[in-house]
């Protein structure tokens, strides 16, 4: 990974392009957060790795040992990134989901 800082205009462009991605019902319930602070990125990586390690310890993980090991190994791959873009999305239910779940 490059150690150079990612220009803000490049992050803005990446986020702008991401908003054009297809999504269910053109809902666009997403929010993006660009993170350039190395300490915050490290904390994010630690949190993701902690959850991956926990999940790898579950009895269910024994059914897919190679997949779980690969997931665990790569969970915090972004740790040394110059920037990260967090993507948050609100729950979405299509009209079909709502109709199928109606009582």
N, C-alpha and C. Protein backbone atom coordinates (compact mmCIF):
# COMPACT_ATOMS: atom_id res chain seq x y z
N UNK A 1 0.83 -1.18 0.00
CA UNK A 1 0.00 0.00 0.00
C UNK A 1 0.87 1.25 0.00
N UNK A 2 0.39 2.25 -0.67
CA UNK A 2 1.12 3.52 -0.72
C UNK A 2 0.98 4.25 0.60
N UNK A 3 2.03 4.95 0.98
CA UNK A 3 2.02 5.73 2.22
C UNK A 3 1.59 7.17 1.99
N UNK A 4 1.37 7.55 0.72
CA UNK A 4 1.00 8.92 0.38
C UNK A 4 -0.41 9.23 0.87
N UNK A 5 -0.63 10.48 1.20
CA UNK A 5 -1.96 10.92 1.59
C UNK A 5 -2.88 10.90 0.37
N UNK A 6 -4.11 10.53 0.59
CA UNK A 6 -5.10 10.52 -0.48
C UNK A 6 -5.74 11.91 -0.52
N UNK A 7 -5.71 12.58 -1.67
CA UNK A 7 -6.30 13.93 -1.76
C UNK A 7 -7.80 13.90 -1.49
N UNK A 8 -8.28 14.92 -0.80
CA UNK A 8 -9.70 15.01 -0.47
C UNK A 8 -10.59 14.98 -1.71
N UNK A 9 -10.14 15.64 -2.79
CA UNK A 9 -10.97 15.66 -4.01
C UNK A 9 -11.10 14.27 -4.61
N UNK A 10 -10.08 13.43 -4.45
CA UNK A 10 -10.16 12.04 -4.95
C UNK A 10 -11.15 11.23 -4.10
N UNK A 11 -11.13 11.44 -2.79
CA UNK A 11 -12.10 10.76 -1.92
C UNK A 11 -13.52 11.21 -2.25
N UNK A 12 -13.71 12.50 -2.45
CA UNK A 12 -15.03 13.02 -2.82
C UNK A 12 -15.52 12.40 -4.13
N UNK A 13 -14.62 12.29 -5.10
CA UNK A 13 -14.98 11.71 -6.40
C UNK A 13 -15.36 10.24 -6.24
N UNK A 14 -14.60 9.50 -5.43
CA UNK A 14 -14.91 8.08 -5.19
C UNK A 14 -16.29 7.94 -4.57
N UNK A 15 -16.59 8.79 -3.60
CA UNK A 15 -17.91 8.74 -2.95
C UNK A 15 -19.01 9.13 -3.93
N UNK A 16 -18.76 10.15 -4.74
CA UNK A 16 -19.74 10.56 -5.76
C UNK A 16 -20.04 9.40 -6.71
N UNK A 17 -18.99 8.72 -7.17
CA UNK A 17 -19.18 7.60 -8.08
C UNK A 17 -19.93 6.45 -7.40
N UNK A 18 -19.67 6.24 -6.12
CA UNK A 18 -20.35 5.18 -5.38
C UNK A 18 -21.85 5.43 -5.30
N UNK A 19 -22.26 6.69 -5.27
CA UNK A 19 -23.69 6.99 -5.19
C UNK A 19 -24.44 6.58 -6.46
N UNK A 20 -23.71 6.33 -7.53
CA UNK A 20 -24.33 5.89 -8.78
C UNK A 20 -24.51 4.38 -8.86
N UNK A 21 -24.07 3.66 -7.83
CA UNK A 21 -24.19 2.19 -7.84
C UNK A 21 -25.67 1.80 -7.80
N UNK A 22 -26.01 0.70 -8.49
CA UNK A 22 -27.39 0.23 -8.45
C UNK A 22 -27.79 -0.13 -7.01
N UNK A 23 -29.05 0.11 -6.69
CA UNK A 23 -29.55 -0.25 -5.37
C UNK A 23 -31.04 -0.50 -5.46
N UNK A 24 -31.54 -1.28 -4.52
CA UNK A 24 -32.93 -1.70 -4.54
C UNK A 24 -33.91 -0.53 -4.51
N UNK A 25 -34.74 -0.45 -5.51
CA UNK A 25 -35.79 0.56 -5.55
C UNK A 25 -35.28 1.99 -5.61
N UNK A 26 -34.03 2.17 -6.01
CA UNK A 26 -33.39 3.49 -6.03
C UNK A 26 -33.50 4.17 -4.66
N UNK A 27 -33.39 3.34 -3.61
CA UNK A 27 -33.57 3.79 -2.23
C UNK A 27 -32.48 4.75 -1.77
N UNK A 28 -31.25 4.45 -2.08
CA UNK A 28 -30.09 5.28 -1.74
C UNK A 28 -30.05 5.66 -0.26
N UNK A 29 -30.22 4.67 0.60
CA UNK A 29 -30.21 4.90 2.05
C UNK A 29 -28.82 4.86 2.65
N UNK A 30 -27.82 5.13 1.86
CA UNK A 30 -26.45 5.02 2.34
C UNK A 30 -25.88 6.35 2.79
N UNK A 31 -24.87 6.23 3.63
CA UNK A 31 -24.07 7.39 4.06
C UNK A 31 -22.62 6.96 4.00
N UNK A 32 -21.76 7.86 3.60
CA UNK A 32 -20.34 7.56 3.47
C UNK A 32 -19.54 8.43 4.44
N UNK A 33 -18.50 7.84 5.01
CA UNK A 33 -17.60 8.57 5.89
C UNK A 33 -16.18 8.28 5.45
N UNK A 34 -15.46 9.33 5.07
CA UNK A 34 -14.05 9.18 4.69
C UNK A 34 -13.20 9.36 5.95
N UNK A 35 -12.27 8.44 6.14
CA UNK A 35 -11.40 8.47 7.32
C UNK A 35 -9.96 8.50 6.84
N UNK A 36 -9.22 9.52 7.30
CA UNK A 36 -7.81 9.63 6.94
C UNK A 36 -6.91 9.59 8.18
N UNK A 37 -7.50 9.67 9.35
CA UNK A 37 -6.75 9.65 10.60
C UNK A 37 -6.24 8.23 10.86
N UNK A 38 -4.91 8.07 10.91
CA UNK A 38 -4.29 6.75 11.07
C UNK A 38 -4.72 6.07 12.36
N UNK A 39 -4.89 6.84 13.44
CA UNK A 39 -5.31 6.25 14.72
C UNK A 39 -6.73 5.70 14.63
N UNK A 40 -7.59 6.43 13.95
CA UNK A 40 -8.98 5.97 13.79
C UNK A 40 -9.01 4.72 12.90
N UNK A 41 -8.24 4.73 11.83
CA UNK A 41 -8.18 3.56 10.95
C UNK A 41 -7.67 2.35 11.72
N UNK A 42 -6.66 2.54 12.57
CA UNK A 42 -6.13 1.44 13.39
C UNK A 42 -7.19 0.91 14.34
N UNK A 43 -7.96 1.80 14.95
CA UNK A 43 -9.04 1.37 15.86
C UNK A 43 -10.12 0.61 15.10
N UNK A 44 -10.43 1.08 13.89
CA UNK A 44 -11.40 0.37 13.06
C UNK A 44 -10.89 -1.03 12.73
N UNK A 45 -9.63 -1.12 12.34
CA UNK A 45 -9.04 -2.42 11.99
C UNK A 45 -9.02 -3.35 13.20
N UNK A 46 -8.70 -2.81 14.37
CA UNK A 46 -8.70 -3.63 15.59
C UNK A 46 -10.10 -4.16 15.89
N UNK A 47 -11.11 -3.31 15.73
CA UNK A 47 -12.48 -3.74 15.99
C UNK A 47 -12.92 -4.82 15.02
N UNK A 48 -12.63 -4.63 13.74
CA UNK A 48 -13.01 -5.63 12.73
C UNK A 48 -12.27 -6.94 12.98
N UNK A 49 -10.98 -6.85 13.29
CA UNK A 49 -10.19 -8.06 13.55
C UNK A 49 -10.71 -8.79 14.79
N UNK A 50 -11.08 -8.04 15.81
CA UNK A 50 -11.61 -8.64 17.03
C UNK A 50 -12.87 -9.45 16.75
N UNK A 51 -13.75 -8.90 15.94
CA UNK A 51 -14.99 -9.62 15.59
C UNK A 51 -14.68 -10.83 14.73
N UNK A 52 -13.76 -10.69 13.78
CA UNK A 52 -13.38 -11.83 12.93
C UNK A 52 -12.78 -12.95 13.77
N UNK A 53 -11.93 -12.59 14.73
CA UNK A 53 -11.33 -13.60 15.61
C UNK A 53 -12.39 -14.29 16.46
N UNK A 54 -13.34 -13.51 16.96
CA UNK A 54 -14.43 -14.08 17.75
C UNK A 54 -15.25 -15.06 16.92
N UNK A 55 -15.62 -14.63 15.71
CA UNK A 55 -16.42 -15.50 14.83
C UNK A 55 -15.67 -16.78 14.47
N UNK A 56 -14.36 -16.68 14.31
CA UNK A 56 -13.55 -17.86 13.98
C UNK A 56 -13.54 -18.86 15.13
N UNK A 57 -13.83 -18.40 16.33
CA UNK A 57 -13.85 -19.30 17.49
C UNK A 57 -15.19 -20.00 17.68
N UNK A 58 -16.21 -19.58 16.96
CA UNK A 58 -17.53 -20.19 17.11
C UNK A 58 -17.51 -21.63 16.59
N UNK A 59 -18.29 -22.51 17.20
CA UNK A 59 -18.36 -23.90 16.72
C UNK A 59 -18.79 -24.00 15.25
N UNK A 60 -19.65 -23.10 14.81
CA UNK A 60 -20.13 -23.13 13.42
C UNK A 60 -19.00 -22.91 12.42
N UNK A 61 -17.93 -22.26 12.85
CA UNK A 61 -16.79 -21.96 11.96
C UNK A 61 -16.07 -23.23 11.52
N UNK A 62 -16.24 -24.28 12.27
CA UNK A 62 -15.56 -25.55 11.93
C UNK A 62 -16.07 -26.15 10.62
N UNK A 63 -17.25 -25.74 10.19
CA UNK A 63 -17.82 -26.26 8.94
C UNK A 63 -17.08 -25.74 7.71
N UNK A 64 -16.43 -24.58 7.83
CA UNK A 64 -15.73 -23.96 6.70
C UNK A 64 -14.35 -23.46 7.15
N UNK A 65 -13.48 -24.34 7.58
CA UNK A 65 -12.20 -23.90 8.18
C UNK A 65 -11.33 -23.05 7.24
N UNK A 66 -11.24 -23.42 5.98
CA UNK A 66 -10.39 -22.66 5.06
C UNK A 66 -10.96 -21.26 4.80
N UNK A 67 -12.26 -21.19 4.60
CA UNK A 67 -12.91 -19.90 4.35
C UNK A 67 -12.78 -18.99 5.58
N UNK A 68 -13.02 -19.55 6.75
CA UNK A 68 -12.95 -18.77 7.99
C UNK A 68 -11.52 -18.29 8.22
N UNK A 69 -10.55 -19.15 7.99
CA UNK A 69 -9.15 -18.77 8.18
C UNK A 69 -8.76 -17.62 7.23
N UNK A 70 -9.20 -17.71 5.98
CA UNK A 70 -8.90 -16.65 5.00
C UNK A 70 -9.58 -15.35 5.41
N UNK A 71 -10.83 -15.45 5.87
CA UNK A 71 -11.57 -14.27 6.32
C UNK A 71 -10.85 -13.63 7.52
N UNK A 72 -10.47 -14.47 8.45
CA UNK A 72 -9.79 -13.98 9.65
C UNK A 72 -8.46 -13.31 9.30
N UNK A 73 -7.73 -13.91 8.39
CA UNK A 73 -6.43 -13.37 7.98
C UNK A 73 -6.56 -12.00 7.30
N UNK A 74 -7.62 -11.81 6.51
CA UNK A 74 -7.77 -10.60 5.70
C UNK A 74 -8.73 -9.56 6.28
N UNK A 75 -9.30 -9.84 7.44
CA UNK A 75 -10.34 -8.95 8.00
C UNK A 75 -9.87 -7.52 8.17
N UNK A 76 -8.63 -7.33 8.59
CA UNK A 76 -8.14 -5.97 8.84
C UNK A 76 -7.07 -5.56 7.84
N UNK A 77 -7.23 -6.03 6.63
CA UNK A 77 -6.28 -5.75 5.55
C UNK A 77 -6.09 -4.25 5.33
N UNK A 78 -7.09 -3.46 5.65
CA UNK A 78 -7.04 -2.02 5.43
C UNK A 78 -6.26 -1.26 6.51
N UNK A 79 -5.72 -1.96 7.48
CA UNK A 79 -5.04 -1.36 8.63
C UNK A 79 -4.03 -0.27 8.24
N UNK A 80 -3.26 -0.47 7.19
CA UNK A 80 -2.21 0.48 6.80
C UNK A 80 -2.61 1.38 5.64
N UNK A 81 -3.90 1.42 5.34
CA UNK A 81 -4.38 2.26 4.24
C UNK A 81 -4.21 3.73 4.57
N UNK A 82 -4.00 4.53 3.56
CA UNK A 82 -3.90 5.98 3.73
C UNK A 82 -5.25 6.61 4.03
N UNK A 83 -6.30 5.96 3.57
CA UNK A 83 -7.67 6.44 3.79
C UNK A 83 -8.62 5.26 3.67
N UNK A 84 -9.74 5.37 4.34
CA UNK A 84 -10.81 4.38 4.25
C UNK A 84 -12.12 5.12 4.04
N UNK A 85 -13.02 4.48 3.35
CA UNK A 85 -14.37 5.03 3.20
C UNK A 85 -15.32 4.04 3.85
N UNK A 86 -15.96 4.49 4.93
CA UNK A 86 -16.96 3.67 5.60
C UNK A 86 -18.30 3.86 4.92
N UNK A 87 -19.02 2.77 4.72
CA UNK A 87 -20.33 2.84 4.08
C UNK A 87 -21.37 2.35 5.09
N UNK A 88 -22.32 3.20 5.37
CA UNK A 88 -23.40 2.87 6.29
C UNK A 88 -24.70 2.90 5.51
N UNK A 89 -25.59 1.95 5.81
CA UNK A 89 -26.85 1.92 5.07
C UNK A 89 -28.01 1.64 6.03
N UNK A 90 -29.09 2.33 5.80
CA UNK A 90 -30.30 2.12 6.59
C UNK A 90 -30.97 0.85 6.10
N UNK A 91 -31.77 0.27 6.96
CA UNK A 91 -32.51 -0.93 6.57
C UNK A 91 -33.43 -0.60 5.40
N UNK A 92 -33.52 -1.51 4.47
CA UNK A 92 -34.37 -1.29 3.30
C UNK A 92 -35.28 -2.49 3.13
N UNK A 93 -36.55 -2.21 2.93
CA UNK A 93 -37.51 -3.24 2.57
C UNK A 93 -38.21 -2.80 1.30
N UNK A 94 -38.15 -3.66 0.30
CA UNK A 94 -38.84 -3.36 -0.94
C UNK A 94 -40.35 -3.51 -0.71
N UNK A 95 -41.13 -3.05 -1.67
CA UNK A 95 -42.57 -3.22 -1.61
C UNK A 95 -42.90 -4.71 -1.51
N UNK A 96 -42.18 -5.53 -2.29
CA UNK A 96 -42.41 -6.98 -2.25
C UNK A 96 -42.13 -7.53 -0.85
N UNK A 97 -41.04 -7.08 -0.22
CA UNK A 97 -40.74 -7.51 1.15
C UNK A 97 -41.88 -7.14 2.10
N UNK A 98 -42.36 -5.91 1.98
CA UNK A 98 -43.43 -5.44 2.86
C UNK A 98 -44.69 -6.26 2.66
N UNK A 99 -45.04 -6.54 1.42
CA UNK A 99 -46.24 -7.32 1.14
C UNK A 99 -46.11 -8.77 1.63
N UNK A 100 -44.94 -9.34 1.43
CA UNK A 100 -44.72 -10.73 1.87
C UNK A 100 -44.70 -10.86 3.39
N UNK A 101 -44.29 -9.79 4.08
CA UNK A 101 -44.22 -9.82 5.54
C UNK A 101 -45.49 -9.34 6.22
N UNK A 102 -46.45 -8.82 5.42
CA UNK A 102 -47.70 -8.31 6.00
C UNK A 102 -48.51 -9.45 6.57
N UNK A 103 -49.14 -9.18 7.65
CA UNK A 103 -49.99 -10.21 8.28
C UNK A 103 -51.44 -9.99 8.00
